[in-house]
Amino acid sequence: QVQLVESGGGLVQAGGSLRLSCAASGRTFSSYAMGWFRQAPGKEREFVAAISESGSSTYHADSVKGRFTISRDDAKNTVYLQLNSVKPEDTAVYYCVATAWVTMATFAIDSHYDYWGQGTQVTVSS
């Protein structure tokens, strides 16, 4: 069982930066692949980024590639999402997720992830 708690959301101006954190419970954090999804009002939930169990592979949605970066610190049981050059369309609730493994075929599929956090709101003002 893994519990995920996100933090770091808030209000930011367009072009600014923000770092989201997700603290995971449990002593087996390093055995989980981690990721982020987001959902804007009135829109479907969408994949943002994922990182493999070892951290050697990362995946980013085309809409955030070059602006957002996912990373992990296994010593702190924490995964991060660095948001740079944010845009109003990045406004959403951001969810941290975990699963036993990801591959090129599965990293963007929300049903592949077993554990979800409560979400943290990111609002980008224009």
N, C-alpha and C. Protein backbone atom coordinates (compact mmCIF):
# COMPACT_ATOMS: atom_id res chain seq x y z
N GLN A 1 0.85 -1.19 0.00
CA GLN A 1 0.00 0.00 0.00
C GLN A 1 0.88 1.24 0.00
N VAL A 2 0.52 2.20 -0.83
CA VAL A 2 1.27 3.45 -0.93
C VAL A 2 0.29 4.61 -0.76
N GLN A 3 0.65 5.55 0.07
CA GLN A 3 -0.13 6.77 0.22
C GLN A 3 0.67 7.93 -0.35
N LEU A 4 -0.01 8.78 -1.12
CA LEU A 4 0.65 9.87 -1.82
C LEU A 4 0.05 11.20 -1.37
N VAL A 5 0.91 12.15 -1.05
CA VAL A 5 0.45 13.46 -0.62
C VAL A 5 1.18 14.52 -1.44
N GLU A 6 0.41 15.26 -2.22
CA GLU A 6 0.99 16.32 -3.06
C GLU A 6 1.06 17.64 -2.30
N SER A 7 1.99 18.49 -2.71
CA SER A 7 2.09 19.84 -2.17
C SER A 7 2.78 20.70 -3.22
N GLY A 8 2.72 22.01 -2.99
CA GLY A 8 3.43 22.93 -3.86
C GLY A 8 2.57 23.66 -4.87
N GLY A 9 1.30 23.31 -4.93
CA GLY A 9 0.42 24.01 -5.86
C GLY A 9 0.15 25.43 -5.41
N GLY A 10 -0.48 26.21 -6.27
CA GLY A 10 -0.81 27.58 -5.93
C GLY A 10 -1.08 28.41 -7.16
N LEU A 11 -1.05 29.72 -6.95
CA LEU A 11 -1.30 30.68 -8.02
C LEU A 11 0.04 31.20 -8.54
N VAL A 12 0.21 31.18 -9.85
CA VAL A 12 1.44 31.65 -10.46
C VAL A 12 1.09 32.41 -11.74
N GLN A 13 1.89 33.40 -12.05
CA GLN A 13 1.66 34.17 -13.27
C GLN A 13 2.19 33.41 -14.48
N ALA A 14 1.60 33.65 -15.62
CA ALA A 14 2.08 33.04 -16.85
C ALA A 14 3.55 33.38 -17.05
N GLY A 15 4.30 32.37 -17.46
CA GLY A 15 5.74 32.53 -17.63
C GLY A 15 6.54 32.20 -16.40
N GLY A 16 5.86 32.03 -15.28
CA GLY A 16 6.54 31.75 -14.02
C GLY A 16 6.83 30.26 -13.83
N SER A 17 7.29 29.94 -12.62
CA SER A 17 7.68 28.58 -12.29
C SER A 17 7.06 28.13 -10.98
N LEU A 18 6.97 26.82 -10.84
CA LEU A 18 6.40 26.22 -9.64
C LEU A 18 6.99 24.82 -9.54
N ARG A 19 7.16 24.32 -8.32
CA ARG A 19 7.60 22.93 -8.16
C ARG A 19 6.60 22.19 -7.30
N LEU A 20 6.06 21.14 -7.86
CA LEU A 20 5.16 20.26 -7.12
C LEU A 20 5.96 19.12 -6.50
N SER A 21 5.56 18.74 -5.30
CA SER A 21 6.18 17.61 -4.63
C SER A 21 5.12 16.57 -4.29
N CYS A 22 5.53 15.33 -4.25
CA CYS A 22 4.64 14.25 -3.86
C CYS A 22 5.41 13.33 -2.92
N ALA A 23 4.99 13.33 -1.67
CA ALA A 23 5.62 12.49 -0.66
C ALA A 23 4.87 11.17 -0.57
N ALA A 24 5.61 10.08 -0.63
CA ALA A 24 5.00 8.75 -0.59
C ALA A 24 5.34 8.04 0.70
N SER A 25 4.37 7.33 1.22
CA SER A 25 4.60 6.53 2.42
C SER A 25 5.14 5.17 2.02
N GLY A 26 5.65 4.44 2.99
CA GLY A 26 6.11 3.09 2.69
C GLY A 26 7.59 3.02 2.46
N ARG A 27 8.16 1.84 2.69
CA ARG A 27 9.59 1.66 2.56
C ARG A 27 10.00 1.12 1.20
N THR A 28 9.04 0.98 0.29
CA THR A 28 9.37 0.42 -1.01
C THR A 28 9.19 1.44 -2.12
N PHE A 29 9.35 2.70 -1.79
CA PHE A 29 9.14 3.77 -2.77
C PHE A 29 9.97 3.55 -4.01
N SER A 30 11.20 3.12 -3.84
CA SER A 30 12.11 2.97 -4.97
C SER A 30 11.68 1.87 -5.93
N SER A 31 10.74 1.05 -5.55
CA SER A 31 10.27 -0.03 -6.42
C SER A 31 9.06 0.40 -7.26
N TYR A 32 8.62 1.64 -7.10
CA TYR A 32 7.46 2.12 -7.83
C TYR A 32 7.84 3.13 -8.91
N ALA A 33 7.18 2.99 -10.04
CA ALA A 33 7.22 4.05 -11.04
C ALA A 33 6.23 5.12 -10.61
N MET A 34 6.57 6.36 -10.85
CA MET A 34 5.75 7.48 -10.38
C MET A 34 5.35 8.36 -11.56
N GLY A 35 4.30 9.13 -11.34
CA GLY A 35 3.88 10.00 -12.43
C GLY A 35 2.98 11.12 -11.95
N TRP A 36 2.60 11.95 -12.92
CA TRP A 36 1.67 13.05 -12.68
C TRP A 36 0.63 13.08 -13.79
N PHE A 37 -0.62 13.27 -13.38
CA PHE A 37 -1.72 13.54 -14.29
C PHE A 37 -2.33 14.88 -13.88
N ARG A 38 -3.13 15.44 -14.74
CA ARG A 38 -3.83 16.67 -14.38
C ARG A 38 -5.22 16.68 -14.99
N GLN A 39 -6.09 17.45 -14.36
CA GLN A 39 -7.45 17.59 -14.86
C GLN A 39 -7.91 19.03 -14.69
N ALA A 40 -8.25 19.64 -15.80
CA ALA A 40 -8.77 21.00 -15.80
C ALA A 40 -10.29 20.95 -15.74
N PRO A 41 -10.92 22.03 -15.26
CA PRO A 41 -12.38 22.05 -15.18
C PRO A 41 -13.03 21.78 -16.53
N GLY A 42 -13.96 20.84 -16.55
CA GLY A 42 -14.68 20.54 -17.77
C GLY A 42 -13.91 19.73 -18.80
N LYS A 43 -12.71 19.30 -18.43
CA LYS A 43 -11.89 18.53 -19.36
C LYS A 43 -11.56 17.16 -18.79
N GLU A 44 -11.16 16.27 -19.67
CA GLU A 44 -10.76 14.94 -19.24
C GLU A 44 -9.38 14.98 -18.59
N ARG A 45 -9.16 14.02 -17.73
CA ARG A 45 -7.86 13.90 -17.09
C ARG A 45 -6.82 13.54 -18.14
N GLU A 46 -5.62 14.13 -18.02
CA GLU A 46 -4.59 13.87 -19.01
C GLU A 46 -3.24 13.60 -18.36
N PHE A 47 -2.45 12.80 -19.04
CA PHE A 47 -1.11 12.46 -18.60
C PHE A 47 -0.21 13.67 -18.71
N VAL A 48 0.68 13.84 -17.72
CA VAL A 48 1.66 14.92 -17.74
C VAL A 48 3.08 14.37 -17.84
N ALA A 49 3.46 13.51 -16.90
CA ALA A 49 4.83 13.00 -16.89
C ALA A 49 4.92 11.73 -16.06
N ALA A 50 5.94 10.92 -16.33
CA ALA A 50 6.17 9.72 -15.55
C ALA A 50 7.67 9.45 -15.47
N ILE A 51 8.06 8.71 -14.44
CA ILE A 51 9.45 8.34 -14.25
C ILE A 51 9.50 6.88 -13.81
N SER A 52 10.45 6.15 -14.36
CA SER A 52 10.54 4.72 -14.07
C SER A 52 11.02 4.47 -12.63
N GLU A 53 10.94 3.22 -12.22
CA GLU A 53 11.34 2.84 -10.86
C GLU A 53 12.79 3.25 -10.59
N SER A 54 13.65 3.06 -11.55
CA SER A 54 15.07 3.37 -11.36
C SER A 54 15.38 4.84 -11.58
N GLY A 55 14.44 5.54 -12.20
CA GLY A 55 14.69 6.94 -12.53
C GLY A 55 15.43 7.12 -13.84
N SER A 56 15.77 6.02 -14.49
CA SER A 56 16.57 6.11 -15.71
C SER A 56 15.74 6.52 -16.92
N SER A 57 14.42 6.35 -16.83
CA SER A 57 13.55 6.71 -17.94
C SER A 57 12.51 7.71 -17.48
N THR A 58 12.31 8.74 -18.28
CA THR A 58 11.26 9.71 -18.00
C THR A 58 10.43 9.90 -19.27
N TYR A 59 9.18 10.26 -19.06
CA TYR A 59 8.24 10.47 -20.15
C TYR A 59 7.48 11.76 -19.86
N HIS A 60 7.32 12.58 -20.87
CA HIS A 60 6.58 13.83 -20.72
C HIS A 60 5.60 13.98 -21.87
N ALA A 61 4.43 14.51 -21.54
CA ALA A 61 3.44 14.78 -22.59
C ALA A 61 3.99 15.84 -23.53
N ASP A 62 3.58 15.77 -24.78
CA ASP A 62 4.06 16.75 -25.76
C ASP A 62 3.72 18.18 -25.35
N SER A 63 2.58 18.35 -24.68
CA SER A 63 2.14 19.69 -24.30
C SER A 63 3.02 20.33 -23.24
N VAL A 64 3.81 19.53 -22.53
CA VAL A 64 4.66 20.09 -21.46
C VAL A 64 6.14 19.85 -21.72
N LYS A 65 6.47 19.12 -22.76
CA LYS A 65 7.87 18.79 -23.05
C LYS A 65 8.68 20.06 -23.23
N GLY A 66 9.82 20.10 -22.56
CA GLY A 66 10.67 21.28 -22.63
C GLY A 66 10.33 22.33 -21.59
N ARG A 67 9.18 22.18 -20.92
CA ARG A 67 8.79 23.14 -19.88
C ARG A 67 8.69 22.49 -18.50
N PHE A 68 8.20 21.27 -18.45
CA PHE A 68 8.05 20.54 -17.19
C PHE A 68 9.08 19.43 -17.11
N THR A 69 9.53 19.14 -15.88
CA THR A 69 10.50 18.06 -15.68
C THR A 69 10.13 17.25 -14.45
N ILE A 70 10.06 15.94 -14.62
CA ILE A 70 9.79 15.05 -13.50
C ILE A 70 11.12 14.50 -12.98
N SER A 71 11.21 14.36 -11.66
CA SER A 71 12.40 13.77 -11.05
C SER A 71 11.99 13.08 -9.76
N ARG A 72 12.91 12.30 -9.20
CA ARG A 72 12.60 11.61 -7.96
C ARG A 72 13.81 11.60 -7.05
N ASP A 73 13.54 11.56 -5.75
CA ASP A 73 14.58 11.44 -4.73
C ASP A 73 14.17 10.29 -3.83
N ASP A 74 14.75 9.13 -4.06
CA ASP A 74 14.34 7.94 -3.32
C ASP A 74 14.71 8.04 -1.84
N ALA A 75 15.74 8.79 -1.52
CA ALA A 75 16.12 8.94 -0.11
C ALA A 75 15.05 9.70 0.66
N LYS A 76 14.29 10.52 -0.05
CA LYS A 76 13.23 11.31 0.58
C LYS A 76 11.84 10.78 0.26
N ASN A 77 11.77 9.66 -0.44
CA ASN A 77 10.46 9.10 -0.86
C ASN A 77 9.60 10.16 -1.54
N THR A 78 10.20 10.93 -2.40
CA THR A 78 9.50 12.06 -3.00
C THR A 78 9.74 12.12 -4.50
N VAL A 79 8.68 12.45 -5.22
CA VAL A 79 8.78 12.72 -6.65
C VAL A 79 8.40 14.18 -6.87
N TYR A 80 9.05 14.81 -7.82
CA TYR A 80 8.85 16.23 -8.08
C TYR A 80 8.37 16.45 -9.51
N LEU A 81 7.68 17.57 -9.68
CA LEU A 81 7.36 18.04 -11.02
C LEU A 81 7.70 19.53 -11.06
N GLN A 82 8.74 19.85 -11.80
CA GLN A 82 9.15 21.24 -11.97
C GLN A 82 8.40 21.83 -13.15
N LEU A 83 7.66 22.90 -12.90
CA LEU A 83 6.89 23.56 -13.93
C LEU A 83 7.55 24.89 -14.26
N ASN A 84 8.01 25.04 -15.46
CA ASN A 84 8.60 26.29 -15.92
C ASN A 84 7.81 26.84 -17.10
N SER A 85 7.92 28.14 -17.31
CA SER A 85 7.24 28.78 -18.44
C SER A 85 5.77 28.37 -18.50
N VAL A 86 5.10 28.46 -17.37
CA VAL A 86 3.71 27.99 -17.31
C VAL A 86 2.79 28.88 -18.14
N LYS A 87 1.70 28.26 -18.58
CA LYS A 87 0.72 28.94 -19.40
C LYS A 87 -0.65 28.82 -18.74
N PRO A 88 -1.59 29.70 -19.07
CA PRO A 88 -2.93 29.59 -18.48
C PRO A 88 -3.56 28.22 -18.71
N GLU A 89 -3.25 27.59 -19.82
CA GLU A 89 -3.81 26.27 -20.09
C GLU A 89 -3.21 25.16 -19.22
N ASP A 90 -2.21 25.49 -18.42
CA ASP A 90 -1.67 24.52 -17.45
C ASP A 90 -2.50 24.50 -16.17
N THR A 91 -3.46 25.41 -16.06
CA THR A 91 -4.32 25.44 -14.89
C THR A 91 -5.09 24.14 -14.76
N ALA A 92 -4.96 23.48 -13.61
CA ALA A 92 -5.59 22.17 -13.41
C ALA A 92 -5.31 21.70 -11.99
N VAL A 93 -6.00 20.64 -11.60
CA VAL A 93 -5.61 19.90 -10.41
C VAL A 93 -4.60 18.85 -10.86
N TYR A 94 -3.47 18.81 -10.19
CA TYR A 94 -2.38 17.89 -10.54
C TYR A 94 -2.37 16.74 -9.54
N TYR A 95 -2.37 15.52 -10.07
CA TYR A 95 -2.42 14.32 -9.25
C TYR A 95 -1.12 13.54 -9.37
N CYS A 96 -0.61 13.11 -8.24
CA CYS A 96 0.55 12.22 -8.19
C CYS A 96 0.05 10.78 -8.24
N VAL A 97 0.76 9.94 -8.99
CA VAL A 97 0.33 8.55 -9.15
C VAL A 97 1.53 7.61 -9.02
N ALA A 98 1.20 6.35 -8.71
CA ALA A 98 2.26 5.35 -8.56
C ALA A 98 1.78 4.01 -9.09
N THR A 99 2.73 3.24 -9.60
CA THR A 99 2.44 1.90 -10.08
C THR A 99 3.72 1.09 -10.02
N ALA A 100 3.58 -0.23 -10.16
CA ALA A 100 4.74 -1.10 -10.00
C ALA A 100 5.74 -0.94 -11.14
N TRP A 101 5.25 -0.59 -12.34
CA TRP A 101 6.16 -0.47 -13.48
C TRP A 101 5.48 0.30 -14.59
N VAL A 102 6.28 0.89 -15.45
CA VAL A 102 5.76 1.55 -16.65
C VAL A 102 6.64 1.17 -17.83
N THR A 103 6.02 1.22 -18.99
CA THR A 103 6.75 0.99 -20.24
C THR A 103 6.30 2.04 -21.24
N MET A 104 6.89 1.99 -22.40
CA MET A 104 6.50 2.92 -23.45
C MET A 104 5.03 2.77 -23.81
N ALA A 105 4.48 1.59 -23.58
CA ALA A 105 3.09 1.33 -23.95
C ALA A 105 2.10 1.73 -22.88
N THR A 106 2.57 1.95 -21.67
CA THR A 106 1.63 2.12 -20.55
C THR A 106 1.74 3.43 -19.80
N PHE A 107 2.80 4.19 -19.99
CA PHE A 107 3.06 5.29 -19.08
C PHE A 107 1.97 6.35 -19.11
N ALA A 108 1.23 6.49 -20.18
CA ALA A 108 0.24 7.55 -20.29
C ALA A 108 -1.19 7.07 -20.00
N ILE A 109 -1.34 5.83 -19.59
CA ILE A 109 -2.66 5.26 -19.36
C ILE A 109 -3.03 5.38 -17.89
N ASP A 110 -4.06 6.16 -17.58
CA ASP A 110 -4.36 6.41 -16.17
C ASP A 110 -4.78 5.14 -15.42
N SER A 111 -5.46 4.23 -16.09
CA SER A 111 -5.89 3.01 -15.42
C SER A 111 -4.72 2.09 -15.08
N HIS A 112 -3.55 2.36 -15.60
CA HIS A 112 -2.37 1.55 -15.29
C HIS A 112 -1.82 1.85 -13.90
N TYR A 113 -2.19 3.00 -13.35
CA TYR A 113 -1.65 3.44 -12.07
C TYR A 113 -2.56 2.99 -10.92
N ASP A 114 -1.94 2.40 -9.90
CA ASP A 114 -2.70 1.81 -8.80
C ASP A 114 -3.01 2.79 -7.68
N TYR A 115 -2.16 3.78 -7.50
CA TYR A 115 -2.30 4.68 -6.36
C TYR A 115 -2.35 6.13 -6.85
N TRP A 116 -3.24 6.89 -6.21
CA TRP A 116 -3.45 8.30 -6.58
C TRP A 116 -3.48 9.16 -5.33
N GLY A 117 -2.88 10.34 -5.45
CA GLY A 117 -2.99 11.32 -4.38
C GLY A 117 -4.29 12.09 -4.49
N GLN A 118 -4.48 13.03 -3.56
CA GLN A 118 -5.71 13.82 -3.52
C GLN A 118 -5.69 14.97 -4.52
N GLY A 119 -4.51 15.33 -4.97
CA GLY A 119 -4.40 16.40 -5.95
C GLY A 119 -4.02 17.73 -5.33
N THR A 120 -3.37 18.56 -6.12
CA THR A 120 -3.02 19.92 -5.71
C THR A 120 -3.36 20.86 -6.85
N GLN A 121 -3.97 21.99 -6.51
CA GLN A 121 -4.45 22.93 -7.53
C GLN A 121 -3.31 23.84 -8.01
N VAL A 122 -3.19 23.94 -9.31
CA VAL A 122 -2.27 24.91 -9.92
C VAL A 122 -3.11 25.85 -10.78
N THR A 123 -2.98 27.14 -10.50
CA THR A 123 -3.73 28.15 -11.25
C THR A 123 -2.73 29.12 -11.86
N VAL A 124 -2.80 29.27 -13.17
CA VAL A 124 -1.91 30.17 -13.89
C VAL A 124 -2.70 31.37 -14.37
N SER A 125 -2.30 32.56 -13.93
CA SER A 125 -2.99 33.77 -14.34
C SER A 125 -2.30 34.39 -15.55
N SER A 126 -3.10 34.98 -16.41
CA SER A 126 -2.54 35.57 -17.64
C SER A 126 -2.17 37.02 -17.44
